[in-house]
Amino acid sequence: MEIWINPACSKCRSALSLLDAEGAGYTVRNYLEDPPSAEELAEVLRRLGLEPWDVARLGEPVAAELDMESWPRDGASRERWIEAMAAHPILIQRPIITADDGTAVVARSPEAVRSVLP
């Protein structure tokens, strides 16, 4: 299991605490220092069953600079979203856990974190 985190994020710290309390084995990826490629992000979105705009942090200043709020949310624009998020990983919602069974979850609640535990 891998968890993508921003160490400054309270939701990420809470998810790590819960994983530790449950004795879960995991690796940590500080996705701001080690950003996912567009291909990795597309794969994680597939595992999540979500579109890039579903996990985009549109409140970030870079989202405003790119005017992402106005971008179409359709299949033709999907790659544009993924490329922007790969280039600016701060735009990716966090934490994201990719489980060993092939599932993934945006782990912003204790229930979401528990959903990927064996």
N, C-alpha and C. Protein backbone atom coordinates (compact mmCIF):
# COMPACT_ATOMS: atom_id res chain seq x y z
N MET A 1 0.86 -1.16 0.00
CA MET A 1 0.00 0.00 0.00
C MET A 1 0.91 1.22 0.00
N GLU A 2 0.49 2.22 -0.78
CA GLU A 2 1.23 3.48 -0.83
C GLU A 2 0.26 4.61 -0.53
N ILE A 3 0.74 5.60 0.21
CA ILE A 3 -0.09 6.77 0.50
C ILE A 3 0.64 8.01 0.01
N TRP A 4 -0.08 8.78 -0.82
CA TRP A 4 0.45 10.06 -1.31
C TRP A 4 0.05 11.13 -0.32
N ILE A 5 1.06 11.84 0.20
CA ILE A 5 0.78 12.84 1.22
C ILE A 5 1.50 14.16 0.96
N ASN A 6 1.01 15.17 1.63
CA ASN A 6 1.69 16.44 1.82
C ASN A 6 1.87 16.50 3.34
N PRO A 7 3.11 16.47 3.85
CA PRO A 7 3.31 16.45 5.30
C PRO A 7 2.66 17.61 6.04
N ALA A 8 2.40 18.72 5.36
CA ALA A 8 1.77 19.88 6.00
C ALA A 8 0.26 19.73 6.14
N CYS A 9 -0.32 18.69 5.56
CA CYS A 9 -1.78 18.50 5.52
C CYS A 9 -2.26 17.71 6.74
N SER A 10 -3.23 18.26 7.46
CA SER A 10 -3.75 17.58 8.65
C SER A 10 -4.48 16.29 8.29
N LYS A 11 -5.17 16.25 7.16
CA LYS A 11 -5.86 15.01 6.74
C LYS A 11 -4.84 13.91 6.46
N CYS A 12 -3.70 14.28 5.88
CA CYS A 12 -2.64 13.30 5.62
C CYS A 12 -2.07 12.76 6.93
N ARG A 13 -1.81 13.65 7.86
CA ARG A 13 -1.27 13.21 9.16
C ARG A 13 -2.27 12.32 9.88
N SER A 14 -3.56 12.64 9.79
CA SER A 14 -4.59 11.80 10.42
C SER A 14 -4.64 10.41 9.77
N ALA A 15 -4.54 10.37 8.44
CA ALA A 15 -4.56 9.08 7.74
C ALA A 15 -3.35 8.24 8.14
N LEU A 16 -2.18 8.86 8.24
CA LEU A 16 -0.98 8.13 8.66
C LEU A 16 -1.13 7.60 10.08
N SER A 17 -1.69 8.41 10.97
CA SER A 17 -1.90 7.97 12.35
C SER A 17 -2.83 6.77 12.41
N LEU A 18 -3.88 6.79 11.62
CA LEU A 18 -4.83 5.68 11.59
C LEU A 18 -4.16 4.42 11.03
N LEU A 19 -3.41 4.56 9.95
CA LEU A 19 -2.70 3.41 9.39
C LEU A 19 -1.74 2.83 10.43
N ASP A 20 -1.03 3.70 11.14
CA ASP A 20 -0.11 3.23 12.18
C ASP A 20 -0.86 2.51 13.30
N ALA A 21 -1.98 3.10 13.73
CA ALA A 21 -2.78 2.50 14.81
C ALA A 21 -3.31 1.13 14.41
N GLU A 22 -3.59 0.95 13.12
CA GLU A 22 -4.10 -0.34 12.63
C GLU A 22 -2.98 -1.31 12.28
N GLY A 23 -1.73 -0.87 12.42
CA GLY A 23 -0.59 -1.74 12.11
C GLY A 23 -0.44 -2.04 10.63
N ALA A 24 -0.94 -1.15 9.79
CA ALA A 24 -0.89 -1.37 8.34
C ALA A 24 0.53 -1.15 7.82
N GLY A 25 0.90 -1.96 6.84
CA GLY A 25 2.16 -1.77 6.15
C GLY A 25 1.95 -0.84 4.97
N TYR A 26 2.77 0.18 4.85
CA TYR A 26 2.60 1.14 3.76
C TYR A 26 3.91 1.87 3.50
N THR A 27 3.97 2.47 2.32
CA THR A 27 5.07 3.37 2.00
C THR A 27 4.48 4.75 1.80
N VAL A 28 5.26 5.75 2.15
CA VAL A 28 4.82 7.14 2.04
C VAL A 28 5.46 7.76 0.82
N ARG A 29 4.65 8.48 0.07
CA ARG A 29 5.17 9.25 -1.07
C ARG A 29 4.76 10.70 -0.87
N ASN A 30 5.76 11.54 -0.65
CA ASN A 30 5.50 12.97 -0.60
C ASN A 30 5.36 13.40 -2.06
N TYR A 31 4.14 13.49 -2.51
CA TYR A 31 3.89 13.68 -3.93
C TYR A 31 4.26 15.08 -4.42
N LEU A 32 4.55 16.00 -3.51
CA LEU A 32 5.02 17.31 -3.94
C LEU A 32 6.51 17.26 -4.29
N GLU A 33 7.26 16.41 -3.59
CA GLU A 33 8.68 16.24 -3.87
C GLU A 33 8.94 15.17 -4.92
N ASP A 34 8.06 14.19 -4.99
CA ASP A 34 8.16 13.08 -5.94
C ASP A 34 6.84 12.98 -6.70
N PRO A 35 6.58 13.95 -7.59
CA PRO A 35 5.27 14.00 -8.24
C PRO A 35 5.02 12.83 -9.18
N PRO A 36 3.76 12.41 -9.27
CA PRO A 36 3.42 11.34 -10.21
C PRO A 36 3.51 11.86 -11.64
N SER A 37 3.86 10.96 -12.53
CA SER A 37 3.81 11.30 -13.96
C SER A 37 2.35 11.35 -14.38
N ALA A 38 2.12 11.88 -15.56
CA ALA A 38 0.76 11.89 -16.11
C ALA A 38 0.23 10.47 -16.22
N GLU A 39 1.09 9.53 -16.61
CA GLU A 39 0.67 8.13 -16.74
C GLU A 39 0.30 7.54 -15.38
N GLU A 40 1.11 7.82 -14.35
CA GLU A 40 0.79 7.32 -13.00
C GLU A 40 -0.52 7.91 -12.51
N LEU A 41 -0.70 9.19 -12.73
CA LEU A 41 -1.92 9.85 -12.29
C LEU A 41 -3.14 9.28 -13.00
N ALA A 42 -3.02 9.03 -14.30
CA ALA A 42 -4.13 8.42 -15.05
C ALA A 42 -4.46 7.04 -14.49
N GLU A 43 -3.45 6.27 -14.13
CA GLU A 43 -3.68 4.94 -13.56
C GLU A 43 -4.36 5.04 -12.20
N VAL A 44 -3.92 5.95 -11.36
CA VAL A 44 -4.55 6.12 -10.05
C VAL A 44 -6.00 6.58 -10.22
N LEU A 45 -6.25 7.46 -11.15
CA LEU A 45 -7.64 7.88 -11.40
C LEU A 45 -8.49 6.69 -11.85
N ARG A 46 -7.92 5.82 -12.67
CA ARG A 46 -8.65 4.61 -13.10
C ARG A 46 -8.98 3.77 -11.87
N ARG A 47 -7.99 3.58 -11.00
CA ARG A 47 -8.21 2.78 -9.79
C ARG A 47 -9.22 3.43 -8.86
N LEU A 48 -9.22 4.76 -8.81
CA LEU A 48 -10.19 5.47 -7.98
C LEU A 48 -11.59 5.45 -8.59
N GLY A 49 -11.66 5.28 -9.92
CA GLY A 49 -12.94 5.38 -10.61
C GLY A 49 -13.42 6.82 -10.70
N LEU A 50 -12.45 7.75 -10.75
CA LEU A 50 -12.78 9.18 -10.78
C LEU A 50 -12.14 9.85 -11.99
N GLU A 51 -12.61 11.04 -12.26
CA GLU A 51 -12.04 11.88 -13.31
C GLU A 51 -11.09 12.87 -12.65
N PRO A 52 -10.17 13.45 -13.43
CA PRO A 52 -9.20 14.36 -12.81
C PRO A 52 -9.85 15.55 -12.12
N TRP A 53 -10.93 16.08 -12.69
CA TRP A 53 -11.59 17.23 -12.06
C TRP A 53 -12.25 16.85 -10.74
N ASP A 54 -12.46 15.55 -10.50
CA ASP A 54 -13.03 15.10 -9.22
C ASP A 54 -12.01 15.20 -8.09
N VAL A 55 -10.72 15.17 -8.41
CA VAL A 55 -9.68 15.20 -7.38
C VAL A 55 -8.77 16.43 -7.52
N ALA A 56 -9.22 17.41 -8.27
CA ALA A 56 -8.43 18.64 -8.44
C ALA A 56 -8.72 19.61 -7.30
N ARG A 57 -7.67 20.20 -6.79
CA ARG A 57 -7.78 21.22 -5.73
C ARG A 57 -7.87 22.58 -6.42
N LEU A 58 -9.08 22.98 -6.76
CA LEU A 58 -9.28 24.20 -7.54
C LEU A 58 -9.15 25.47 -6.71
N GLY A 59 -9.00 25.34 -5.41
CA GLY A 59 -8.78 26.51 -4.56
C GLY A 59 -7.32 26.95 -4.51
N GLU A 60 -6.44 26.16 -5.11
CA GLU A 60 -5.02 26.50 -5.12
C GLU A 60 -4.76 27.68 -6.06
N PRO A 61 -3.82 28.58 -5.71
CA PRO A 61 -3.51 29.72 -6.58
C PRO A 61 -3.17 29.32 -8.01
N VAL A 62 -2.44 28.23 -8.20
CA VAL A 62 -2.07 27.82 -9.56
C VAL A 62 -3.30 27.44 -10.38
N ALA A 63 -4.33 26.91 -9.73
CA ALA A 63 -5.58 26.59 -10.44
C ALA A 63 -6.23 27.87 -10.96
N ALA A 64 -6.18 28.93 -10.14
CA ALA A 64 -6.73 30.21 -10.57
C ALA A 64 -5.90 30.79 -11.71
N GLU A 65 -4.57 30.67 -11.60
CA GLU A 65 -3.70 31.18 -12.66
C GLU A 65 -3.99 30.48 -13.99
N LEU A 66 -4.27 29.18 -13.92
CA LEU A 66 -4.57 28.41 -15.13
C LEU A 66 -6.03 28.53 -15.56
N ASP A 67 -6.85 29.16 -14.72
CA ASP A 67 -8.29 29.32 -14.96
C ASP A 67 -8.98 27.96 -15.13
N MET A 68 -8.58 27.01 -14.28
CA MET A 68 -9.09 25.65 -14.40
C MET A 68 -10.59 25.55 -14.17
N GLU A 69 -11.15 26.45 -13.38
CA GLU A 69 -12.61 26.43 -13.15
C GLU A 69 -13.38 26.49 -14.47
N SER A 70 -12.80 27.14 -15.47
CA SER A 70 -13.50 27.30 -16.74
C SER A 70 -13.24 26.15 -17.71
N TRP A 71 -12.34 25.25 -17.36
CA TRP A 71 -12.01 24.15 -18.27
C TRP A 71 -13.18 23.18 -18.40
N PRO A 72 -13.44 22.69 -19.60
CA PRO A 72 -14.48 21.68 -19.76
C PRO A 72 -14.16 20.41 -18.96
N ARG A 73 -15.21 19.80 -18.49
CA ARG A 73 -15.08 18.53 -17.75
C ARG A 73 -15.67 17.44 -18.64
N ASP A 74 -14.88 17.05 -19.64
CA ASP A 74 -15.33 16.03 -20.58
C ASP A 74 -14.13 15.20 -21.05
N GLY A 75 -14.42 14.14 -21.74
CA GLY A 75 -13.38 13.22 -22.19
C GLY A 75 -12.31 13.90 -23.04
N ALA A 76 -12.72 14.86 -23.86
CA ALA A 76 -11.77 15.54 -24.73
C ALA A 76 -10.79 16.39 -23.93
N SER A 77 -11.18 16.81 -22.73
CA SER A 77 -10.33 17.68 -21.90
C SER A 77 -9.59 16.92 -20.80
N ARG A 78 -9.87 15.65 -20.67
CA ARG A 78 -9.30 14.84 -19.59
C ARG A 78 -7.77 14.92 -19.55
N GLU A 79 -7.14 14.76 -20.69
CA GLU A 79 -5.67 14.78 -20.74
C GLU A 79 -5.11 16.13 -20.31
N ARG A 80 -5.79 17.21 -20.66
CA ARG A 80 -5.36 18.55 -20.25
C ARG A 80 -5.33 18.65 -18.73
N TRP A 81 -6.37 18.15 -18.09
CA TRP A 81 -6.44 18.16 -16.62
C TRP A 81 -5.30 17.34 -16.03
N ILE A 82 -5.10 16.13 -16.54
CA ILE A 82 -4.06 15.25 -16.01
C ILE A 82 -2.68 15.88 -16.18
N GLU A 83 -2.41 16.44 -17.34
CA GLU A 83 -1.11 17.08 -17.58
C GLU A 83 -0.89 18.25 -16.62
N ALA A 84 -1.91 19.05 -16.39
CA ALA A 84 -1.78 20.19 -15.47
C ALA A 84 -1.51 19.70 -14.05
N MET A 85 -2.19 18.64 -13.63
CA MET A 85 -2.00 18.12 -12.28
C MET A 85 -0.63 17.46 -12.13
N ALA A 86 -0.14 16.83 -13.17
CA ALA A 86 1.20 16.24 -13.11
C ALA A 86 2.26 17.34 -13.06
N ALA A 87 2.03 18.43 -13.78
CA ALA A 87 2.98 19.54 -13.79
C ALA A 87 2.93 20.35 -12.50
N HIS A 88 1.76 20.36 -11.83
CA HIS A 88 1.54 21.12 -10.60
C HIS A 88 0.88 20.19 -9.57
N PRO A 89 1.65 19.31 -8.95
CA PRO A 89 1.04 18.29 -8.07
C PRO A 89 0.27 18.86 -6.88
N ILE A 90 0.50 20.12 -6.53
CA ILE A 90 -0.29 20.73 -5.45
C ILE A 90 -1.78 20.70 -5.79
N LEU A 91 -2.11 20.53 -7.07
CA LEU A 91 -3.50 20.48 -7.51
C LEU A 91 -4.18 19.14 -7.22
N ILE A 92 -3.41 18.13 -6.80
CA ILE A 92 -3.98 16.79 -6.56
C ILE A 92 -4.51 16.70 -5.14
N GLN A 93 -5.75 16.28 -5.02
CA GLN A 93 -6.36 16.05 -3.71
C GLN A 93 -5.53 15.04 -2.92
N ARG A 94 -5.54 15.16 -1.63
CA ARG A 94 -4.74 14.28 -0.78
C ARG A 94 -5.47 13.98 0.51
N PRO A 95 -5.08 12.95 1.20
CA PRO A 95 -4.17 11.88 0.80
C PRO A 95 -4.87 10.89 -0.13
N ILE A 96 -4.07 10.23 -0.93
CA ILE A 96 -4.57 9.15 -1.78
C ILE A 96 -3.82 7.88 -1.39
N ILE A 97 -4.60 6.83 -1.14
CA ILE A 97 -4.01 5.52 -0.82
C ILE A 97 -4.26 4.59 -1.99
N THR A 98 -3.19 3.96 -2.46
CA THR A 98 -3.31 2.90 -3.47
C THR A 98 -3.04 1.60 -2.74
N ALA A 99 -4.04 0.74 -2.72
CA ALA A 99 -3.96 -0.51 -1.98
C ALA A 99 -3.37 -1.62 -2.84
N ASP A 100 -2.85 -2.62 -2.17
CA ASP A 100 -2.22 -3.75 -2.85
C ASP A 100 -3.19 -4.55 -3.70
N ASP A 101 -4.49 -4.47 -3.39
CA ASP A 101 -5.48 -5.25 -4.15
C ASP A 101 -5.93 -4.55 -5.43
N GLY A 102 -5.29 -3.41 -5.74
CA GLY A 102 -5.63 -2.70 -6.97
C GLY A 102 -6.62 -1.57 -6.79
N THR A 103 -7.19 -1.44 -5.62
CA THR A 103 -8.12 -0.35 -5.36
C THR A 103 -7.34 0.90 -4.93
N ALA A 104 -8.03 2.00 -4.87
CA ALA A 104 -7.46 3.25 -4.38
C ALA A 104 -8.59 4.05 -3.77
N VAL A 105 -8.22 5.00 -2.92
CA VAL A 105 -9.22 5.82 -2.26
C VAL A 105 -8.60 7.18 -1.93
N VAL A 106 -9.42 8.23 -2.04
CA VAL A 106 -9.05 9.53 -1.50
C VAL A 106 -9.38 9.43 -0.02
N ALA A 107 -8.35 9.41 0.81
CA ALA A 107 -8.48 9.02 2.21
C ALA A 107 -8.64 10.22 3.14
N ARG A 108 -9.65 11.02 2.91
CA ARG A 108 -9.86 12.23 3.71
C ARG A 108 -10.67 11.96 4.97
N SER A 109 -11.21 10.76 5.11
CA SER A 109 -11.97 10.41 6.32
C SER A 109 -11.43 9.09 6.88
N PRO A 110 -11.65 8.86 8.19
CA PRO A 110 -11.24 7.58 8.76
C PRO A 110 -11.91 6.39 8.06
N GLU A 111 -13.15 6.57 7.65
CA GLU A 111 -13.87 5.48 6.96
C GLU A 111 -13.19 5.14 5.63
N ALA A 112 -12.76 6.16 4.92
CA ALA A 112 -12.08 5.93 3.64
C ALA A 112 -10.77 5.20 3.87
N VAL A 113 -10.01 5.59 4.88
CA VAL A 113 -8.76 4.91 5.19
C VAL A 113 -9.03 3.44 5.53
N ARG A 114 -10.00 3.21 6.38
CA ARG A 114 -10.32 1.83 6.79
C ARG A 114 -10.80 0.99 5.62
N SER A 115 -11.37 1.61 4.60
CA SER A 115 -11.93 0.85 3.48
C SER A 115 -10.85 0.10 2.68
N VAL A 116 -9.60 0.50 2.80
CA VAL A 116 -8.53 -0.16 2.06
C VAL A 116 -7.68 -1.07 2.93
N LEU A 117 -8.04 -1.17 4.20
CA LEU A 117 -7.31 -2.07 5.10
C LEU A 117 -7.76 -3.51 4.88
N PRO A 118 -6.82 -4.45 4.97
CA PRO A 118 -7.20 -5.85 4.79
C PRO A 118 -8.13 -6.35 5.88
